[in-house]
Amino acid sequence: MNESKRSRVLLAGFGVLCTAALVAASLHRLGLPLTLYTWIAVATCAASGATLALHGARSIAVFTAALATCLYLAVPFPFQRIPGVEAWTLFDDVGGRSGWAITPGLRFGTDGPNTALLETYVGPLEPNWWHQAPHSPYIRDGNERVQSRSVIRCEYFPGVLEMLPDDDARRTVIRCLTDPENRLRVHQGLLLTCLYVLQFPPGTDRETWWTHHKDLFQPQYDSILAASLTQDWLDSVERSFLDEVVPDAFGLQLRAASYQEQGTWGAHSDFGEAFMEMQRGQRQPEPRALEMGRRVTWWLDAKA
């Protein structure tokens, strides 16, 4: 190999080392690519450093552009001040994963704190990705506040499962919480968070609590029945905390359930519509579902 070719190979190697390092930093920060398009873009960026070996002055210009693109991948947030450049957080409401979507349509993701635990009980969970929140100096709000707060994405979720009596109960609960069509899953998560924060109501333990409440942990796809079952739940939850300091984590679950009842972004709109009609007296709750929902042993009632 003559000296000229050797120099070009070294330049190409150095250039690829620079761009690949930036791409590696981006994958560490953003997660792995979620789409074929993103994989191709990332691989192209990683290899683009080889342009440093091009002949002539254009090599510096092309390499600088390649380096800037890789820098954008590694640290995309300062670039959000450029109009049209956007970054959104992503979340998966089935497996509890998190991710990012950045211009131009690149999507990255990583397992959440409980993904492996969930799959241990119910097997592989195909992600169901949502856009959660924009990260832009030009947008002040727009966050999804219902499914993104699912208890399956919370650090304390393993502690919730530990309060259930056996693996069959844990599988039952996980199947409810990971079913996107289940109109009850937000309130089911709220009830489990109450259990975790307040512990078992007086006179109960894990066996008796689960035996009494297990019928409430079934997927419900009918919005009328789901709305009927959860009437007055939020009032009962708030009463249970009258003498307690409400933890921030619990407050998130409480507000998620409130947004679900209102049918706001992220909520099941048909559930919200049915729930609000019942609240306004425009629709009567389904009697059997209403009675089932009132079987919950609320903490303040148990102390009485």
Protein backbone atom coordinates (compact mmCIF):
# COMPACT_ATOMS: atom_id res chain seq x y z
CA MET A 1 0.00 0.00 0.00
CA ASN A 2 1.50 3.31 -1.07
CA GLU A 3 1.75 6.27 1.29
CA SER A 4 -1.22 8.10 -0.25
CA LYS A 5 -3.60 5.18 0.19
CA ARG A 6 -2.32 4.51 3.68
CA SER A 7 -2.99 8.11 4.68
CA ARG A 8 -6.51 7.96 3.30
CA VAL A 9 -7.22 4.73 5.18
CA LEU A 10 -5.99 6.31 8.40
CA LEU A 11 -8.11 9.40 7.79
CA ALA A 12 -11.16 7.26 7.10
CA GLY A 13 -10.53 5.23 10.25
CA PHE A 14 -10.12 8.34 12.36
CA GLY A 15 -13.27 9.86 10.88
CA VAL A 16 -15.32 6.72 11.52
CA LEU A 17 -13.97 6.56 15.07
CA CYS A 18 -15.25 10.12 15.68
CA THR A 19 -18.71 9.60 14.18
CA ALA A 20 -19.15 6.11 15.65
CA ALA A 21 -18.29 7.45 19.12
CA LEU A 22 -21.00 10.11 18.80
CA VAL A 23 -23.51 7.55 17.55
CA ALA A 24 -22.64 5.25 20.47
CA ALA A 25 -23.27 8.16 22.84
CA SER A 26 -26.66 8.75 21.18
CA LEU A 27 -27.67 5.09 21.62
CA HIS A 28 -26.66 5.24 25.27
CA ARG A 29 -28.77 8.36 25.77
CA LEU A 30 -31.78 7.60 23.55
CA GLY A 31 -31.93 3.80 23.43
CA LEU A 32 -31.86 1.35 20.55
CA PRO A 33 -33.51 2.15 17.19
CA LEU A 34 -37.13 1.03 16.99
CA THR A 35 -37.55 1.07 13.21
CA LEU A 36 -35.59 -0.12 10.18
CA TYR A 37 -35.43 3.47 8.97
CA THR A 38 -33.80 4.52 12.23
CA TRP A 39 -31.31 1.63 12.09
CA ILE A 40 -30.29 2.64 8.56
CA ALA A 41 -29.93 6.30 9.56
CA VAL A 42 -27.83 5.43 12.60
CA ALA A 43 -25.59 3.04 10.68
CA THR A 44 -25.10 5.61 7.91
CA CYS A 45 -24.16 8.28 10.44
CA ALA A 46 -21.71 5.96 12.16
CA ALA A 47 -19.98 5.22 8.85
CA SER A 48 -20.13 8.79 7.57
CA GLY A 49 -16.80 9.62 9.16
CA ALA A 50 -15.12 7.85 6.27
CA THR A 51 -15.86 10.96 4.21
CA LEU A 52 -12.77 12.51 5.82
CA ALA A 53 -10.72 10.49 3.32
CA LEU A 54 -12.33 12.13 0.29
CA HIS A 55 -10.02 14.01 -2.09
CA GLY A 56 -9.82 17.78 -2.05
CA ALA A 57 -11.14 20.52 0.16
CA ARG A 58 -14.68 19.11 0.01
CA SER A 59 -13.65 16.32 2.40
CA ILE A 60 -13.50 18.78 5.31
CA ALA A 61 -16.89 20.28 4.45
CA VAL A 62 -18.57 16.88 4.05
CA PHE A 63 -16.95 15.49 7.19
CA THR A 64 -17.98 18.56 9.19
CA ALA A 65 -21.58 18.08 8.07
CA ALA A 66 -21.41 14.39 8.99
CA LEU A 67 -19.95 15.26 12.39
CA ALA A 68 -22.66 17.84 13.01
CA THR A 69 -25.35 15.25 12.16
CA CYS A 70 -23.82 12.76 14.60
CA LEU A 71 -23.58 15.47 17.24
CA TYR A 72 -27.31 16.12 16.75
CA LEU A 73 -27.99 12.44 17.43
CA ALA A 74 -25.80 12.44 20.51
CA VAL A 75 -27.18 15.69 21.98
CA PRO A 76 -30.42 16.54 20.15
CA PHE A 77 -31.92 18.90 22.72
CA PRO A 78 -30.00 22.14 21.99
CA PHE A 79 -31.09 21.79 18.36
CA GLN A 80 -34.75 22.11 19.39
CA ARG A 81 -34.44 25.88 19.05
CA ILE A 82 -34.31 25.41 15.29
CA PRO A 83 -37.90 25.70 13.96
CA GLY A 84 -39.17 22.35 12.69
CA VAL A 85 -36.74 20.28 14.77
CA GLU A 86 -38.65 18.36 17.44
CA ALA A 87 -38.04 15.78 20.15
CA TRP A 88 -40.78 13.85 21.94
CA THR A 89 -40.57 11.39 24.78
CA LEU A 90 -42.20 8.05 23.96
CA PHE A 91 -43.68 5.48 26.26
CA ASP A 92 -45.00 1.96 25.83
CA ASP A 93 -48.17 1.25 27.81
CA VAL A 94 -47.86 -2.53 27.44
CA GLY A 95 -44.28 -3.34 28.42
CA GLY A 96 -43.51 -0.17 30.37
CA ARG A 97 -40.72 0.90 28.00
CA SER A 98 -39.51 4.45 27.37
CA GLY A 99 -38.08 6.14 24.30
CA TRP A 100 -37.54 9.20 22.13
CA ALA A 101 -38.75 10.40 18.75
CA ILE A 102 -36.62 13.06 17.08
CA THR A 103 -36.71 14.81 13.73
CA PRO A 104 -36.66 13.46 11.01
CA GLY A 105 -38.86 10.60 12.26
CA LEU A 106 -36.14 8.71 14.14
CA ARG A 107 -37.43 6.54 17.01
CA PHE A 108 -35.43 5.04 19.86
CA GLY A 109 -36.44 3.02 22.89
CA THR A 110 -35.28 1.06 25.87
CA ASP A 111 -36.76 -1.34 28.41
CA GLY A 112 -38.43 0.19 31.44
CA PRO A 113 -37.69 -0.68 35.07
CA ASN A 114 -40.27 -3.49 35.07
CA THR A 115 -40.25 -4.81 31.48
CA ALA A 116 -38.26 -7.93 32.30
CA LEU A 117 -40.38 -8.57 35.41
CA LEU A 118 -43.63 -8.27 33.46
CA GLU A 119 -42.41 -10.66 30.78
CA THR A 120 -41.29 -13.14 33.42
CA TYR A 121 -44.95 -13.62 34.34
CA VAL A 122 -46.79 -13.28 31.02
CA GLY A 123 -44.19 -13.79 28.29
CA PRO A 124 -43.05 -11.36 25.56
CA LEU A 125 -45.01 -8.11 25.38
CA GLU A 126 -45.19 -6.31 22.05
CA PRO A 127 -44.77 -2.57 22.65
CA ASN A 128 -47.57 -0.11 22.04
CA TRP A 129 -45.78 3.23 21.66
CA TRP A 130 -47.30 6.63 22.44
CA HIS A 131 -45.95 10.15 22.10
CA GLN A 132 -45.87 11.46 25.66
CA ALA A 133 -44.46 14.98 25.82
CA PRO A 134 -42.80 17.47 23.46
CA HIS A 135 -39.40 18.87 24.41
CA SER A 136 -39.42 22.24 22.71
CA PRO A 137 -38.86 25.83 23.85
CA TYR A 138 -41.93 26.74 21.77
CA ILE A 139 -44.41 24.33 23.41
CA ARG A 140 -45.22 24.80 27.09
CA ASP A 141 -47.55 21.83 27.57
CA GLY A 142 -49.07 18.93 25.70
CA ASN A 143 -48.11 16.03 27.96
CA GLU A 144 -50.05 12.76 28.04
CA ARG A 145 -51.00 12.22 31.70
CA VAL A 146 -52.99 8.98 31.82
CA GLN A 147 -51.36 5.87 30.37
CA SER A 148 -47.84 7.30 30.79
CA ARG A 149 -48.41 7.16 34.55
CA SER A 150 -49.32 3.49 34.55
CA VAL A 151 -48.18 1.67 37.66
CA ILE A 152 -46.24 -0.79 35.45
CA ARG A 153 -43.79 2.05 34.73
CA CYS A 154 -43.23 2.87 38.41
CA GLU A 155 -40.16 1.86 40.40
CA TYR A 156 -42.32 0.54 43.24
CA PHE A 157 -44.29 -1.90 41.05
CA PRO A 158 -42.32 -4.98 42.23
CA GLY A 159 -43.44 -4.08 45.76
CA VAL A 160 -47.05 -4.04 44.55
CA LEU A 161 -46.70 -7.56 43.17
CA GLU A 162 -45.16 -8.74 46.43
CA MET A 163 -48.40 -7.84 48.19
CA LEU A 164 -50.35 -10.36 46.13
CA PRO A 165 -50.66 -13.92 47.44
CA ASP A 166 -49.28 -15.96 44.54
CA ASP A 167 -48.07 -15.95 40.93
CA ASP A 168 -51.55 -16.60 39.53
CA ALA A 169 -52.77 -13.39 41.18
CA ARG A 170 -49.74 -11.52 39.83
CA ARG A 171 -50.36 -12.80 36.30
CA THR A 172 -54.02 -11.79 36.55
CA VAL A 173 -53.10 -8.26 37.60
CA ILE A 174 -50.38 -7.88 34.96
CA ARG A 175 -52.72 -9.00 32.18
CA CYS A 176 -55.18 -6.30 33.25
CA LEU A 177 -52.57 -3.56 33.48
CA THR A 178 -50.93 -4.40 30.13
CA ASP A 179 -54.16 -4.59 28.11
CA PRO A 180 -54.56 -1.29 26.16
CA GLU A 181 -58.27 -1.92 25.62
CA ASN A 182 -59.07 -2.53 29.27
CA ARG A 183 -61.17 0.44 30.40
CA LEU A 184 -60.51 -0.37 34.05
CA ARG A 185 -56.74 -0.56 34.09
CA VAL A 186 -56.11 3.01 35.28
CA HIS A 187 -58.41 2.54 38.29
CA GLN A 188 -57.05 -0.95 38.90
CA GLY A 189 -53.58 0.57 39.09
CA LEU A 190 -54.90 3.22 41.47
CA LEU A 191 -56.36 0.57 43.79
CA LEU A 192 -53.07 -1.36 43.78
CA THR A 193 -51.16 1.83 44.58
CA CYS A 194 -53.49 2.43 47.53
CA LEU A 195 -52.69 -1.07 48.74
CA TYR A 196 -48.96 -0.48 48.41
CA VAL A 197 -48.97 2.93 50.11
CA LEU A 198 -51.51 2.27 52.87
CA GLN A 199 -50.79 -1.46 53.29
CA PHE A 200 -53.59 -3.91 54.01
CA PRO A 201 -56.78 -2.50 55.55
CA PRO A 202 -57.32 -3.45 59.19
CA GLY A 203 -58.47 -7.04 59.54
CA THR A 204 -57.12 -8.20 56.18
CA ASP A 205 -53.97 -9.80 54.82
CA ARG A 206 -52.78 -10.65 51.33
CA GLU A 207 -54.96 -13.74 51.07
CA THR A 208 -58.19 -12.21 52.34
CA TRP A 209 -57.66 -8.91 50.48
CA TRP A 210 -57.14 -10.68 47.16
CA THR A 211 -60.04 -13.09 47.69
CA HIS A 212 -62.34 -10.13 48.32
CA HIS A 213 -61.09 -8.00 45.40
CA LYS A 214 -59.99 -10.43 42.70
CA ASP A 215 -63.25 -10.08 40.75
CA LEU A 216 -62.34 -6.41 40.21
CA PHE A 217 -59.18 -7.44 38.37
CA GLN A 218 -60.69 -8.58 35.10
CA PRO A 219 -60.35 -6.68 31.82
CA GLN A 220 -63.45 -4.66 31.04
CA TYR A 221 -64.01 -3.52 27.47
CA ASP A 222 -67.49 -2.08 27.93
CA SER A 223 -67.20 1.61 28.80
CA ILE A 224 -70.65 1.72 30.47
CA LEU A 225 -69.86 -1.16 32.81
CA ALA A 226 -66.38 0.20 33.57
CA ALA A 227 -67.71 3.69 34.32
CA SER A 228 -70.46 2.23 36.51
CA LEU A 229 -68.02 0.13 38.50
CA THR A 230 -65.69 3.04 39.30
CA GLN A 231 -68.30 5.61 40.39
CA ASP A 232 -67.18 7.32 43.63
CA TRP A 233 -63.77 5.61 43.67
CA LEU A 234 -61.80 8.84 43.70
CA ASP A 235 -63.85 10.25 46.58
CA SER A 236 -63.29 7.04 48.53
CA VAL A 237 -59.56 7.12 47.82
CA GLU A 238 -59.24 10.73 48.94
CA ARG A 239 -61.14 9.96 52.14
CA SER A 240 -58.72 7.13 52.84
CA PHE A 241 -55.87 9.65 52.91
CA LEU A 242 -57.49 12.16 55.26
CA ASP A 243 -54.95 11.49 58.01
CA GLU A 244 -52.02 10.65 55.74
CA VAL A 245 -49.44 12.61 53.79
CA VAL A 246 -50.15 11.80 50.16
CA PRO A 247 -46.94 10.61 48.45
CA ASP A 248 -46.09 12.21 45.12
CA ALA A 249 -46.14 8.83 43.36
CA PHE A 250 -49.67 8.21 44.58
CA GLY A 251 -50.75 11.70 43.56
CA LEU A 252 -49.76 10.87 39.98
CA GLN A 253 -52.01 7.80 40.00
CA LEU A 254 -54.87 9.79 41.48
CA ARG A 255 -54.61 12.46 38.80
CA ALA A 256 -54.28 9.84 36.05
CA ALA A 257 -57.58 8.32 37.16
CA SER A 258 -59.16 11.77 37.24
CA TYR A 259 -58.03 12.44 33.66
CA GLN A 260 -59.33 9.02 32.64
CA GLU A 261 -62.73 9.91 34.04
CA GLN A 262 -62.71 13.17 32.10
CA GLY A 263 -61.74 11.42 28.85
CA THR A 264 -58.75 13.69 28.20
CA TRP A 265 -55.73 12.86 26.02
CA GLY A 266 -54.55 9.33 26.68
CA ALA A 267 -57.79 8.29 28.34
CA HIS A 268 -60.43 6.05 26.79
CA SER A 269 -62.77 8.69 25.42
CA ASP A 270 -65.82 6.40 25.53
CA PHE A 271 -65.14 5.69 29.20
CA GLY A 272 -64.83 9.41 29.93
CA GLU A 273 -68.03 10.22 28.07
CA ALA A 274 -70.00 7.53 29.93
CA PHE A 275 -68.50 8.48 33.29
CA MET A 276 -69.28 12.17 32.94
CA GLU A 277 -72.83 11.44 31.77
CA MET A 278 -73.34 9.45 34.98
CA GLN A 279 -71.86 12.27 37.05
CA ARG A 280 -74.24 14.78 35.45
CA GLY A 281 -77.25 12.49 35.90
CA GLN A 282 -77.72 12.01 32.16
CA ARG A 283 -77.17 8.25 32.40
CA GLN A 284 -77.81 5.76 35.17
CA PRO A 285 -74.98 3.42 36.20
CA GLU A 286 -75.44 -0.25 35.48
CA PRO A 287 -76.67 -1.61 38.84
CA ARG A 288 -74.65 -4.82 39.04
CA ALA A 289 -71.40 -3.12 38.03
CA LEU A 290 -72.07 -0.29 40.48
CA GLU A 291 -72.62 -2.79 43.28
CA MET A 292 -69.43 -4.67 42.40
CA GLY A 293 -67.43 -1.44 42.53
CA ARG A 294 -68.76 -0.74 45.99
CA ARG A 295 -67.31 -4.00 47.28
CA VAL A 296 -63.89 -2.38 47.63
CA THR A 297 -62.71 -2.29 51.22
CA TRP A 298 -61.66 1.34 51.56
CA TRP A 299 -59.18 2.07 54.33
CA LEU A 300 -61.14 4.72 56.19
CA ASP A 301 -64.24 2.50 56.20
CA ALA A 302 -62.21 -0.43 57.53
CA LYS A 303 -60.96 1.70 60.44
CA ALA A 304 -64.48 2.71 61.44
